[in-house]
Amino acid sequence: MKKTIFLLPLLLFAACGPKDGVHELHLLTTNDVHGRWFDSTYVQKGTRQSLMAVNYYVDSIRKADGAENVLLVDAGDCLQGDNASYYYNYVDTGSEHLFSRLVSYMKYDAVTVGNHDVETGHAVYDRVAKELKKHGIPFLGGNAVRDDNGKSYFPLYKTFKRAGLKVLVLGYTNANNPAWMDESLWSGMHFESLLPRVQEDVDRIAAKEKADVVVVSVHSATGDGDGRSLEAQGLDLYKSLSGVDFLVCSHDHREVTFCNDSIALINTGNRAKYLGHGKIRVSIKDGKVADKEISSGLIKVDKRKTDPLMREAFMDDYKAVKAFSTMEIGALAMDLRTRDAYSGMCDYVNLIHSVCLKESGAQVSFAAPLTFNGVVRAGVLIYNDLFTIYPFENQLYTMKLTGEEIRKYLEFSYSRWLAKPGSEHVLNIARVNDPRNNQEGWSFVYRAYNFDSAAGINYTVDVTKPAGERVQICSMADGSAFDPKAEYTVAMTSYRASGAGGLLTRGAGIPEDELEGRIVHRYREIRECIYDYIEEYGLIDDTSCYSAARNGAWKFIPEDVASRGIAADLELLF
């Protein structure tokens, strides 16, 4: 009898809902932090934006407005992009992952799965998901659906009691994940479009949970809102969702907020530069929501305001990553500048080609500059330099392509790289307003990490010819004939082999459903291959970086026109 009397008031309170009056909730958001956990780069002096500075602002708002009135959510891409994330993904795998401990320390309420989180592989993200669960933090990704039973591979949602309200948070990963990575990384699941999935889930779960406030966190780009991009469905959702108060977007590193009378969109950009801040005032009358007022904004993170207690709490982890990052691995005879890749053959891309050809034994290699404007200086090489040379955890693949498909692949690459004949530029650049920072400047029209060149063959690229007629393949690297009808083994990244960038599908003309059947072999991560290559040679110089008989050669022609025009364009870009 005593037990029944004790429970009855609680049951009556739950049935009545929130108390009448005005309730104010603060939603704080981050996204695309990409491992920027520490305020130091491990090698150079100085301070950078990091979660340790973000925590200063989070704590300040919690102290000012009450921790019970604050919700902290991350929209994904947490586990790739920095030495610290790499170290705890693949080197120190015996202890609890640093990311799990960090977000627990900061009292995150929910984290969303990003495409770069999936790219770490099952061993990493399954481990992190399990650890976060122990801390009471869901790793949300409701549209990642299990193949065996149709249920979500990751949690779909969690409800919270904040500001006297019931707050529902739903989370989704990027629907376009399969286009960027090998299926082995996401085996056992498939990914559904956020449209109409999110609205269907909101309608069903918000009613079931009797939510007063609904937050949707998606690792999807803001986009243009035209409904055409599976990768960028943010504005599509913002324009169409009903019953949602906050939409947290990510992925495109675009610092932006939108807000109308019923919903706010927040995207904080990347690497802890901003903290998203949404506020909602909910008026409750007779136990029900009578009115809502929503606002949103971005708080600029001052990198100097690092939380000293947080820094001290994770100092041992920082020291471990620093020791790993500064480990000597070899020597470099000349500077490697990634920007040199835009004007033709260069030591930087030659090194990547040489590594891929040696590791795989392929006849041809495709590679692109993956760091837009990085420099590794001559002298002692440390492990940290590998993150400039090769910043991503891509595997090395070999595929079978015909000679004609190789030519068409390269034609497509240079059609993005070069301007149309008759333009005032040789490189395909334009003066644009960058939505990520709202600053005007010169940039490539297309992403430079899709500017693939080839090794293993000798060829020219005529900048005066139209797209489709620029590439002339003269021979194989050793001088033997190149046959458009013959089949060749080609080395490339797992990212490219999955069809990313469209070079294989739109360029070479290979149907997407045939790509898997073209794969000959899967090798290790390319950064690991580069590490072993450097360790084997000791000194990376002209000889170890390039061999004419192995790599072949290519150049832009006419050389005088190309060199003058590209030099002028690079002046604008940099």
Protein backbone atom coordinates (compact mmCIF):
# COMPACT_ATOMS: atom_id res chain seq x y z
CA MET A 1 0.00 0.00 0.00
CA LYS A 2 2.82 2.37 0.82
CA LYS A 3 4.39 1.71 -2.58
CA THR A 4 1.16 2.68 -4.38
CA ILE A 5 0.79 5.92 -2.40
CA PHE A 6 4.44 6.81 -3.18
CA LEU A 7 4.09 6.31 -6.95
CA LEU A 8 0.73 8.00 -7.44
CA PRO A 9 1.96 11.64 -7.28
CA LEU A 10 4.67 10.84 -9.82
CA LEU A 11 2.17 9.31 -12.20
CA LEU A 12 -0.15 12.30 -11.83
CA PHE A 13 2.77 14.69 -12.49
CA ALA A 14 3.78 12.80 -15.63
CA ALA A 15 0.21 12.87 -16.93
CA CYS A 16 -0.12 16.61 -16.33
CA GLY A 17 2.98 17.47 -18.35
CA PRO A 18 5.18 20.54 -17.74
CA LYS A 19 4.22 23.24 -15.29
CA ASP A 20 2.34 26.29 -16.53
CA GLY A 21 4.54 29.30 -17.21
CA VAL A 22 7.49 30.19 -19.43
CA HIS A 23 10.36 27.73 -19.86
CA GLU A 24 13.61 28.69 -21.60
CA LEU A 25 15.91 26.05 -23.11
CA HIS A 26 19.40 26.65 -24.52
CA LEU A 27 20.58 24.30 -27.28
CA LEU A 28 24.36 24.31 -27.75
CA THR A 29 25.82 22.61 -30.82
CA THR A 30 29.09 21.61 -32.44
CA ASN A 31 29.83 19.75 -35.67
CA ASP A 32 32.76 18.64 -37.84
CA VAL A 33 35.25 19.08 -35.02
CA HIS A 34 37.47 16.52 -36.84
CA GLY A 35 39.56 15.57 -33.84
CA ARG A 36 40.35 19.17 -32.84
CA TRP A 37 40.34 18.25 -29.17
CA PHE A 38 43.58 19.83 -27.96
CA ASP A 39 44.51 23.49 -28.18
CA SER A 40 48.01 22.70 -29.51
CA THR A 41 49.22 21.23 -32.81
CA TYR A 42 51.73 18.98 -30.97
CA VAL A 43 54.65 20.34 -33.02
CA GLN A 44 54.46 24.12 -33.38
CA LYS A 45 54.06 26.73 -30.69
CA GLY A 46 50.78 28.59 -30.40
CA THR A 47 47.14 27.95 -29.65
CA ARG A 48 44.29 26.86 -31.90
CA GLN A 49 40.53 26.50 -31.54
CA SER A 50 39.56 23.27 -29.82
CA LEU A 51 36.94 21.55 -27.71
CA MET A 52 38.89 22.76 -24.69
CA ALA A 53 37.96 26.33 -25.59
CA VAL A 54 34.40 25.30 -26.51
CA ASN A 55 34.05 23.89 -23.00
CA TYR A 56 34.77 27.33 -21.53
CA TYR A 57 31.68 28.73 -23.27
CA VAL A 58 29.52 25.70 -22.50
CA ASP A 59 30.36 25.92 -18.81
CA SER A 60 29.75 29.68 -18.81
CA ILE A 61 26.24 29.25 -20.23
CA ARG A 62 25.47 26.41 -17.85
CA LYS A 63 26.55 28.54 -14.89
CA ALA A 64 24.62 31.59 -16.09
CA ASP A 65 21.38 29.89 -17.08
CA GLY A 66 21.46 26.64 -15.12
CA ALA A 67 22.78 23.30 -16.36
CA GLU A 68 19.23 21.93 -16.16
CA ASN A 69 18.25 24.38 -18.92
CA VAL A 70 21.04 23.47 -21.38
CA LEU A 71 21.29 20.70 -23.99
CA LEU A 72 24.62 19.99 -25.75
CA VAL A 73 24.59 18.14 -29.10
CA ASP A 74 27.24 17.32 -31.74
CA ALA A 75 26.32 16.69 -35.39
CA GLY A 76 29.16 14.37 -36.39
CA ASP A 77 32.59 13.94 -37.99
CA CYS A 78 34.32 13.54 -34.67
CA LEU A 79 36.72 10.65 -35.22
CA GLN A 80 38.90 11.70 -38.17
CA GLY A 81 41.05 14.68 -39.05
CA ASP A 82 43.72 15.06 -36.39
CA ASN A 83 46.68 13.22 -34.88
CA ALA A 84 44.77 12.64 -31.64
CA SER A 85 41.84 10.92 -33.31
CA TYR A 86 44.17 8.78 -35.42
CA TYR A 87 46.21 7.79 -32.38
CA TYR A 88 43.19 6.63 -30.39
CA ASN A 89 41.54 5.04 -33.42
CA TYR A 90 44.44 2.83 -34.46
CA VAL A 91 47.46 3.07 -32.13
CA ASP A 92 46.15 3.05 -28.57
CA THR A 93 43.20 0.70 -28.93
CA GLY A 94 43.47 -0.87 -25.49
CA SER A 95 42.22 2.03 -23.38
CA GLU A 96 38.89 3.82 -23.53
CA HIS A 97 38.83 6.06 -26.59
CA LEU A 98 39.80 9.64 -25.83
CA PHE A 99 36.75 10.97 -27.66
CA SER A 100 34.42 8.99 -25.39
CA ARG A 101 36.13 10.41 -22.33
CA LEU A 102 36.14 13.98 -23.68
CA VAL A 103 32.44 14.16 -24.51
CA SER A 104 31.63 12.56 -21.16
CA TYR A 105 33.74 15.19 -19.42
CA MET A 106 31.96 17.97 -21.33
CA LYS A 107 28.57 16.37 -20.56
CA TYR A 108 27.40 16.11 -24.16
CA ASP A 109 23.84 14.85 -24.30
CA ALA A 110 23.98 13.31 -27.80
CA VAL A 111 26.45 12.83 -30.66
CA THR A 112 25.55 12.16 -34.30
CA VAL A 113 27.42 9.77 -36.60
CA GLY A 114 29.26 11.53 -39.46
CA ASN A 115 30.55 10.07 -42.72
CA HIS A 116 34.14 10.37 -41.49
CA ASP A 117 33.13 8.52 -38.34
CA VAL A 118 31.84 5.64 -40.46
CA GLU A 119 35.03 5.80 -42.52
CA THR A 120 37.08 4.79 -39.46
CA GLY A 121 35.61 1.28 -39.79
CA HIS A 122 33.56 -1.01 -37.60
CA ALA A 123 36.31 -1.63 -35.06
CA VAL A 124 36.49 2.08 -34.23
CA TYR A 125 32.92 3.34 -34.38
CA ASP A 126 31.43 0.21 -32.80
CA ARG A 127 33.89 0.63 -29.93
CA VAL A 128 33.06 4.32 -29.52
CA ALA A 129 29.30 3.69 -29.72
CA LYS A 130 29.59 1.10 -26.95
CA GLU A 131 31.68 3.40 -24.76
CA LEU A 132 29.36 6.36 -25.26
CA LYS A 133 26.39 4.20 -24.33
CA LYS A 134 28.05 3.43 -20.99
CA HIS A 135 28.27 7.17 -20.39
CA GLY A 136 24.59 7.58 -21.26
CA ILE A 137 25.39 9.39 -24.53
CA PRO A 138 23.74 8.02 -27.70
CA PHE A 139 25.73 7.87 -30.96
CA LEU A 140 22.79 8.71 -33.20
CA GLY A 141 22.34 7.56 -36.79
CA GLY A 142 18.75 6.47 -37.32
CA ASN A 143 18.90 6.20 -41.12
CA ALA A 144 21.73 3.64 -40.98
CA VAL A 145 19.50 0.59 -41.26
CA ARG A 146 20.56 -2.97 -40.50
CA ASP A 147 20.32 -5.37 -43.45
CA ASP A 148 19.31 -8.33 -41.31
CA ASN A 149 16.30 -6.98 -39.42
CA GLY A 150 15.51 -3.49 -40.78
CA LYS A 151 16.21 -1.77 -37.45
CA SER A 152 18.53 1.18 -36.97
CA TYR A 153 22.18 0.17 -36.57
CA PHE A 154 22.75 3.19 -34.32
CA PRO A 155 20.20 4.71 -31.90
CA LEU A 156 17.56 6.87 -33.56
CA TYR A 157 16.65 9.17 -30.69
CA LYS A 158 16.74 9.95 -27.00
CA THR A 159 14.48 12.10 -24.81
CA PHE A 160 15.72 14.47 -22.12
CA LYS A 161 14.16 16.47 -19.31
CA ARG A 162 15.47 20.01 -19.65
CA ALA A 163 14.06 23.36 -18.51
CA GLY A 164 11.04 21.51 -17.14
CA LEU A 165 10.27 20.29 -20.68
CA LYS A 166 10.46 16.97 -22.46
CA VAL A 167 13.01 17.39 -25.25
CA LEU A 168 13.30 14.85 -28.08
CA VAL A 169 16.59 14.61 -30.01
CA LEU A 170 16.71 12.55 -33.22
CA GLY A 171 19.95 11.98 -35.14
CA TYR A 172 20.86 10.89 -38.67
CA THR A 173 24.06 10.28 -40.61
CA ASN A 174 24.72 11.24 -44.23
CA ALA A 175 22.57 9.35 -46.71
CA ASN A 176 25.33 9.45 -49.33
CA ASN A 177 27.89 7.48 -47.28
CA PRO A 178 28.23 4.57 -49.77
CA ALA A 179 29.48 6.98 -52.46
CA TRP A 180 32.63 7.78 -50.48
CA MET A 181 33.89 4.56 -48.96
CA ASP A 182 34.21 0.85 -49.44
CA GLU A 183 31.32 -1.32 -48.32
CA SER A 184 33.55 -3.18 -45.85
CA LEU A 185 33.51 -0.03 -43.70
CA TRP A 186 29.72 -0.04 -43.39
CA SER A 187 28.97 -3.73 -43.85
CA GLY A 188 25.67 -4.99 -42.49
CA MET A 189 23.75 -1.77 -43.07
CA HIS A 190 22.43 0.60 -45.69
CA PHE A 191 21.58 4.30 -45.57
CA GLU A 192 18.20 5.89 -46.22
CA SER A 193 17.51 9.36 -47.56
CA LEU A 194 16.55 11.92 -44.93
CA LEU A 195 13.51 12.75 -47.05
CA PRO A 196 10.87 11.63 -46.13
CA ARG A 197 12.43 9.54 -43.34
CA VAL A 198 12.96 12.36 -40.82
CA GLN A 199 9.40 13.70 -41.02
CA GLU A 200 7.96 10.21 -40.66
CA ASP A 201 10.08 9.58 -37.57
CA VAL A 202 9.20 12.95 -36.05
CA ASP A 203 5.48 12.39 -36.53
CA ARG A 204 5.64 8.95 -34.95
CA ILE A 205 8.10 9.47 -32.10
CA ALA A 206 7.19 13.00 -30.99
CA ALA A 207 3.60 11.87 -30.43
CA LYS A 208 4.71 8.71 -28.66
CA GLU A 209 7.14 10.57 -26.37
CA LYS A 210 4.78 13.55 -25.88
CA ALA A 211 7.71 15.86 -26.62
CA ASP A 212 7.48 19.58 -25.93
CA VAL A 213 10.60 20.44 -27.97
CA VAL A 214 12.01 18.52 -30.94
CA VAL A 215 15.65 18.71 -32.10
CA VAL A 216 16.84 16.98 -35.29
CA SER A 217 20.62 16.58 -35.71
CA VAL A 218 21.80 15.52 -39.17
CA HIS A 219 25.24 14.96 -40.58
CA SER A 220 24.12 16.43 -43.87
CA ALA A 221 25.24 19.59 -45.63
CA THR A 222 23.11 22.71 -45.60
CA GLY A 223 22.87 22.58 -49.39
CA ASP A 224 20.78 24.72 -51.74
CA GLY A 225 17.35 23.42 -50.77
CA ASP A 226 16.52 22.29 -54.30
CA GLY A 227 16.00 18.63 -53.37
CA ARG A 228 18.65 17.38 -55.79
CA SER A 229 21.53 16.44 -53.50
CA LEU A 230 21.52 13.32 -51.31
CA GLU A 231 24.65 14.65 -49.62
CA ALA A 232 23.19 18.06 -48.76
CA GLN A 233 19.63 17.81 -47.45
CA GLY A 234 19.78 20.48 -44.74
CA LEU A 235 17.76 23.24 -46.38
CA ASP A 236 15.43 20.63 -47.89
CA LEU A 237 14.56 19.60 -44.34
CA TYR A 238 14.44 23.19 -43.06
CA LYS A 239 11.87 24.11 -45.70
CA SER A 240 9.71 21.03 -45.29
CA LEU A 241 9.81 19.78 -41.70
CA SER A 242 6.89 20.38 -39.38
CA GLY A 243 6.86 19.75 -35.66
CA VAL A 244 10.62 20.39 -35.38
CA ASP A 245 12.07 23.31 -33.45
CA PHE A 246 15.80 22.98 -34.18
CA LEU A 247 17.64 21.43 -37.12
CA VAL A 248 21.39 20.97 -36.58
CA CYS A 249 23.31 20.59 -39.87
CA SER A 250 26.96 19.89 -40.67
CA HIS A 251 29.27 18.28 -43.24
CA ASP A 252 29.92 21.24 -45.60
CA HIS A 253 31.83 23.32 -42.98
CA ARG A 254 29.47 26.20 -43.66
CA GLU A 255 28.97 28.64 -40.80
CA VAL A 256 25.31 29.58 -41.05
CA THR A 257 22.04 29.90 -39.16
CA PHE A 258 18.50 30.33 -40.44
CA CYS A 259 15.43 30.98 -38.35
CA ASN A 260 11.73 31.53 -38.95
CA ASP A 261 8.69 31.45 -36.70
CA SER A 262 8.67 27.67 -36.39
CA ILE A 263 12.19 26.25 -36.89
CA ALA A 264 15.86 27.23 -36.66
CA LEU A 265 18.80 25.73 -38.57
CA ILE A 266 22.31 25.81 -37.08
CA ASN A 267 25.61 24.84 -38.74
CA THR A 268 28.77 25.84 -36.84
CA GLY A 269 31.24 25.25 -39.68
CA ASN A 270 34.14 23.10 -38.55
CA ARG A 271 37.01 22.50 -36.14
CA ALA A 272 35.49 24.20 -33.09
CA LYS A 273 35.57 27.72 -34.55
CA TYR A 274 32.02 28.41 -33.39
CA LEU A 275 29.55 27.13 -30.85
CA GLY A 276 25.96 27.01 -32.05
CA HIS A 277 23.44 28.60 -29.70
CA GLY A 278 19.74 28.10 -30.12
CA LYS A 279 17.20 29.43 -27.63
CA ILE A 280 13.56 28.53 -27.28
CA ARG A 281 11.01 30.07 -24.91
CA VAL A 282 8.06 27.76 -24.42
CA SER A 283 4.85 29.05 -22.85
CA ILE A 284 2.85 26.33 -21.11
CA LYS A 285 -0.84 26.76 -20.29
CA ASP A 286 -2.98 24.04 -18.72
CA GLY A 287 -0.08 21.62 -19.05
CA LYS A 288 0.21 22.09 -22.81
CA VAL A 289 2.40 24.14 -25.16
CA ALA A 290 0.64 27.42 -25.90
CA ASP A 291 3.40 29.34 -27.70
CA LYS A 292 7.07 29.12 -28.74
CA GLU A 293 9.69 31.75 -29.50
CA ILE A 294 12.83 30.50 -31.28
CA SER A 295 16.16 32.20 -31.99
CA SER A 296 19.58 30.98 -33.13
CA GLY A 297 23.11 32.26 -33.50
CA LEU A 298 26.80 31.39 -33.53
CA ILE A 299 29.25 32.16 -30.74
CA LYS A 300 32.80 32.81 -31.98
CA VAL A 301 35.19 30.63 -30.00
CA ASP A 302 38.24 32.49 -28.70
CA LYS A 303 41.05 29.96 -28.92
CA ARG A 304 42.80 31.60 -25.98
CA LYS A 305 39.99 30.72 -23.58
CA THR A 306 41.05 27.14 -23.08
CA ASP A 307 39.51 25.52 -20.02
CA PRO A 308 42.55 25.03 -17.73
CA LEU A 309 40.91 22.25 -15.72
CA MET A 310 40.02 20.32 -18.86
CA ARG A 311 43.53 20.76 -20.23
CA GLU A 312 45.01 19.38 -17.03
CA ALA A 313 42.55 16.48 -16.92
CA PHE A 314 43.72 15.25 -20.34
CA MET A 315 47.39 16.25 -20.16
CA ASP A 316 48.62 12.64 -20.17
CA ASP A 317 46.66 11.99 -23.37
CA TYR A 318 48.12 15.10 -24.97
CA LYS A 319 51.65 14.01 -24.08
CA ALA A 320 51.05 10.58 -25.61
CA VAL A 321 49.80 12.09 -28.88
CA LYS A 322 52.65 14.62 -28.93
CA ALA A 323 55.26 11.87 -28.50
CA PHE A 324 53.66 9.92 -31.34
CA SER A 325 53.43 13.00 -33.58
CA THR A 326 57.06 14.04 -33.12
CA MET A 327 58.51 10.56 -33.69
CA GLU A 328 61.26 10.77 -36.35
CA ILE A 329 60.57 8.56 -39.37
CA GLY A 330 63.12 9.69 -41.99
CA ALA A 331 64.47 12.68 -43.85
CA LEU A 332 63.41 14.87 -46.78
CA ALA A 333 65.91 16.30 -49.26
CA MET A 334 63.60 19.00 -50.65
CA ASP A 335 60.47 20.89 -49.69
CA LEU A 336 57.16 19.25 -50.59
CA ARG A 337 54.55 21.87 -51.55
CA THR A 338 51.06 20.63 -52.30
CA ARG A 339 50.17 23.74 -54.33
CA ASP A 340 52.78 22.68 -56.92
CA ALA A 341 50.40 19.89 -57.95
CA TYR A 342 48.10 22.37 -59.73
CA SER A 343 50.71 23.32 -62.34
CA GLY A 344 51.92 19.86 -63.37
CA MET A 345 54.15 17.08 -62.10
CA CYS A 346 55.65 17.75 -58.67
CA ASP A 347 57.58 15.96 -55.94
CA TYR A 348 54.54 15.77 -53.66
CA VAL A 349 52.25 13.86 -56.04
CA ASN A 350 55.18 11.92 -57.50
CA LEU A 351 55.84 10.53 -54.02
CA ILE A 352 52.24 9.38 -53.62
CA HIS A 353 52.27 7.78 -57.08
CA SER A 354 55.57 6.01 -56.34
CA VAL A 355 54.25 4.62 -53.06
CA CYS A 356 51.02 3.36 -54.64
CA LEU A 357 52.78 1.76 -57.62
CA LYS A 358 55.37 0.05 -55.44
CA GLU A 359 52.87 -1.20 -52.88
CA SER A 360 50.37 -2.55 -55.42
CA GLY A 361 52.49 -3.48 -58.42
CA ALA A 362 49.89 -1.73 -60.59
CA GLN A 363 50.67 -0.52 -64.09
CA VAL A 364 49.00 2.87 -63.66
CA SER A 365 48.30 5.08 -60.63
CA PHE A 366 45.74 7.86 -60.08
CA ALA A 367 46.35 10.43 -57.34
CA ALA A 368 45.28 13.96 -56.42
CA PRO A 369 46.54 16.66 -54.01
CA LEU A 370 44.65 16.02 -50.77
CA THR A 371 46.01 18.99 -48.82
CA PHE A 372 45.08 22.25 -50.54
CA ASN A 373 48.08 24.32 -49.52
CA GLY A 374 50.43 22.38 -47.28
CA VAL A 375 54.21 22.43 -46.99
CA VAL A 376 56.60 19.85 -45.58
CA ARG A 377 60.05 21.39 -45.23
CA ALA A 378 63.31 19.66 -46.10
CA GLY A 379 65.04 18.06 -43.15
CA VAL A 380 63.97 15.54 -40.56
CA LEU A 381 60.59 13.96 -41.21
CA ILE A 382 58.34 13.26 -38.23
CA TYR A 383 55.10 11.34 -38.12
CA ASN A 384 53.15 14.60 -37.98
CA ASP A 385 54.32 15.37 -41.53
CA LEU A 386 52.36 12.37 -42.82
CA PHE A 387 49.12 14.18 -41.97
CA THR A 388 50.12 16.95 -44.40
CA ILE A 389 51.27 14.53 -47.08
CA TYR A 390 48.20 12.33 -46.68
CA PRO A 391 45.48 13.66 -44.35
CA PHE A 392 42.82 10.96 -44.88
CA GLU A 393 42.50 7.32 -43.85
CA ASN A 394 41.94 6.03 -47.39
CA GLN A 395 42.85 2.49 -48.37
CA LEU A 396 44.82 1.65 -51.49
CA TYR A 397 42.85 -0.26 -54.13
CA THR A 398 43.59 -1.63 -57.57
CA MET A 399 40.95 -1.83 -60.29
CA LYS A 400 40.79 -3.06 -63.87
CA LEU A 401 40.30 -0.32 -66.48
CA THR A 402 40.73 -0.32 -70.24
CA GLY A 403 43.09 2.11 -71.89
CA GLU A 404 40.16 4.10 -73.23
CA GLU A 405 38.58 4.27 -69.77
CA ILE A 406 41.88 5.61 -68.39
CA ARG A 407 41.90 8.34 -71.03
CA LYS A 408 38.26 9.29 -70.39
CA TYR A 409 38.90 9.29 -66.64
CA LEU A 410 41.75 11.77 -67.11
CA GLU A 411 39.71 13.89 -69.52
CA PHE A 412 37.04 14.25 -66.85
CA SER A 413 39.63 15.17 -64.21
CA TYR A 414 41.21 17.89 -66.36
CA SER A 415 37.77 19.18 -67.40
CA ARG A 416 37.32 20.17 -63.74
CA TRP A 417 40.90 21.31 -63.32
CA LEU A 418 41.18 23.57 -66.41
CA ALA A 419 39.11 26.44 -67.70
CA LYS A 420 37.43 26.36 -71.10
CA PRO A 421 39.62 27.45 -74.04
CA GLY A 422 39.33 31.18 -74.66
CA SER A 423 38.80 31.98 -70.98
CA GLU A 424 40.98 34.58 -69.29
CA HIS A 425 42.32 31.83 -67.02
CA VAL A 426 44.00 28.48 -67.64
CA LEU A 427 42.96 26.98 -64.32
CA ASN A 428 39.24 26.66 -63.65
CA ILE A 429 39.02 29.36 -61.00
CA ALA A 430 36.45 32.00 -60.16
CA ARG A 431 36.03 34.91 -57.78
CA VAL A 432 33.31 33.80 -55.42
CA ASN A 433 31.84 34.46 -52.01
CA ASP A 434 32.70 31.46 -49.85
CA PRO A 435 29.56 30.53 -47.83
CA ARG A 436 31.77 28.86 -45.23
CA ASN A 437 33.28 32.16 -44.11
CA ASN A 438 31.30 34.77 -46.09
CA GLN A 439 34.52 36.14 -47.61
CA GLU A 440 35.11 36.87 -51.28
CA GLY A 441 38.19 35.53 -53.02
CA TRP A 442 39.55 33.33 -55.78
CA SER A 443 39.05 29.59 -55.57
CA PHE A 444 38.80 26.56 -57.81
CA VAL A 445 35.32 26.00 -59.17
CA TYR A 446 35.63 22.30 -58.32
CA ARG A 447 37.31 20.54 -55.39
CA ALA A 448 41.06 20.17 -55.89
CA TYR A 449 41.09 16.77 -54.19
CA ASN A 450 39.40 15.46 -57.34
CA PHE A 451 42.19 16.71 -59.65
CA ASP A 452 43.68 13.30 -60.39
CA SER A 453 46.80 12.92 -62.49
CA ALA A 454 48.27 9.60 -63.63
CA ALA A 455 51.59 7.82 -63.30
CA GLY A 456 52.79 4.78 -65.21
CA ILE A 457 52.08 6.43 -68.55
CA ASN A 458 53.47 9.28 -70.65
CA TYR A 459 50.89 11.86 -71.72
CA THR A 460 50.20 15.52 -72.46
CA VAL A 461 47.26 17.78 -71.62
CA ASP A 462 46.53 20.53 -74.16
CA VAL A 463 45.08 23.58 -72.38
CA THR A 464 43.91 25.07 -75.71
CA LYS A 465 41.67 22.11 -76.55
CA PRO A 466 38.07 21.64 -75.36
CA ALA A 467 37.14 19.11 -72.68
CA GLY A 468 37.27 15.59 -74.05
CA GLU A 469 40.09 16.35 -76.48
CA ARG A 470 42.89 17.45 -74.15
CA VAL A 471 44.60 14.23 -73.09
CA GLN A 472 47.01 12.51 -75.47
CA ILE A 473 48.52 9.30 -74.04
CA CYS A 474 51.78 8.59 -75.86
CA SER A 475 53.04 5.37 -74.25
CA MET A 476 53.50 3.43 -71.04
CA ALA A 477 56.20 4.71 -68.68
CA ASP A 478 58.74 2.22 -70.01
CA GLY A 479 58.14 3.35 -73.60
CA SER A 480 55.99 0.38 -74.63
CA ALA A 481 52.77 0.98 -76.52
CA PHE A 482 49.62 2.11 -74.73
CA ASP A 483 46.57 0.27 -76.06
CA PRO A 484 43.10 1.87 -75.66
CA LYS A 485 41.52 -1.59 -75.93
CA ALA A 486 43.85 -3.36 -73.48
CA GLU A 487 43.03 -3.84 -69.80
CA TYR A 488 45.30 -2.32 -67.17
CA THR A 489 45.60 -2.59 -63.39
CA VAL A 490 45.18 0.86 -61.87
CA ALA A 491 46.00 1.94 -58.30
CA MET A 492 43.69 4.47 -56.62
CA THR A 493 42.15 5.34 -53.27
CA SER A 494 39.19 3.50 -51.76
CA TYR A 495 37.37 6.86 -51.92
CA ARG A 496 37.86 7.02 -55.67
CA ALA A 497 37.13 3.31 -56.22
CA SER A 498 33.72 3.77 -54.61
CA GLY A 499 32.83 6.27 -57.35
CA ALA A 500 33.48 9.46 -55.37
CA GLY A 501 34.12 12.52 -57.49
CA GLY A 502 32.48 10.90 -60.52
CA LEU A 503 35.77 10.18 -62.30
CA LEU A 504 35.01 6.48 -62.74
CA THR A 505 31.29 6.82 -63.41
CA ARG A 506 30.77 10.14 -65.21
CA GLY A 507 34.32 10.21 -66.55
CA ALA A 508 35.33 6.68 -67.50
CA GLY A 509 31.69 5.75 -68.08
CA ILE A 510 31.63 2.72 -65.77
CA PRO A 511 28.16 2.05 -64.31
CA GLU A 512 28.10 2.41 -60.54
CA ASP A 513 26.84 -1.14 -60.04
CA GLU A 514 29.91 -2.46 -61.92
CA LEU A 515 32.55 -0.78 -59.76
CA GLU A 516 32.74 -3.54 -57.17
CA GLY A 517 33.38 -6.12 -59.89
CA ARG A 518 36.31 -4.09 -61.23
CA ILE A 519 38.21 -4.20 -57.91
CA VAL A 520 41.28 -6.44 -58.09
CA HIS A 521 42.72 -6.06 -54.60
CA ARG A 522 42.36 -4.04 -51.40
CA TYR A 523 45.54 -2.98 -49.61
CA ARG A 524 46.39 -1.09 -46.42
CA GLU A 525 45.73 2.55 -45.67
CA ILE A 526 47.82 4.74 -47.94
CA ARG A 527 49.33 6.71 -45.06
CA GLU A 528 50.69 3.45 -43.64
CA CYS A 529 52.18 2.64 -47.06
CA ILE A 530 53.85 6.06 -47.17
CA TYR A 531 55.27 5.53 -43.67
CA ASP A 532 56.81 2.19 -44.65
CA TYR A 533 58.15 3.69 -47.90
CA ILE A 534 59.90 6.49 -46.01
CA GLU A 535 61.26 4.06 -43.44
CA GLU A 536 62.64 1.82 -46.20
CA TYR A 537 64.43 4.60 -48.11
CA GLY A 538 65.40 6.73 -45.11
CA LEU A 539 65.94 9.79 -47.31
CA ILE A 540 63.21 10.96 -49.67
CA ASP A 541 64.98 12.69 -52.55
CA ASP A 542 64.54 13.01 -56.32
CA THR A 543 65.48 9.37 -56.86
CA SER A 544 63.18 7.80 -54.27
CA CYS A 545 60.38 10.21 -55.14
CA TYR A 546 60.38 9.61 -58.86
CA SER A 547 61.54 7.15 -61.49
CA ALA A 548 60.86 7.91 -65.15
CA ALA A 549 60.74 4.20 -66.01
CA ARG A 550 58.13 3.60 -63.30
CA ASN A 551 56.16 6.85 -63.11
CA GLY A 552 56.35 8.12 -66.67
CA ALA A 553 55.74 11.81 -67.25
CA TRP A 554 53.01 14.27 -68.15
CA LYS A 555 52.83 17.99 -68.82
CA PHE A 556 50.51 20.80 -69.89
CA ILE A 557 50.97 22.02 -73.46
CA PRO A 558 51.61 24.41 -75.16
CA GLU A 559 54.16 24.86 -72.40
CA ASP A 560 54.64 28.63 -72.77
CA VAL A 561 50.88 29.35 -72.73
CA ALA A 562 50.20 26.95 -69.88
CA SER A 563 53.08 28.02 -67.65
CA ARG A 564 52.33 31.76 -67.93
CA GLY A 565 48.59 31.35 -67.41
CA ILE A 566 48.87 28.91 -64.52
CA ALA A 567 51.48 31.07 -62.76
CA ALA A 568 49.12 34.06 -62.96
CA ASP A 569 46.18 31.99 -61.70
CA LEU A 570 48.17 30.65 -58.77
CA GLU A 571 49.01 34.22 -57.79
CA LEU A 572 45.28 34.89 -57.50
CA LEU A 573 44.57 31.69 -55.59
CA PHE A 574 47.34 32.04 -53.05
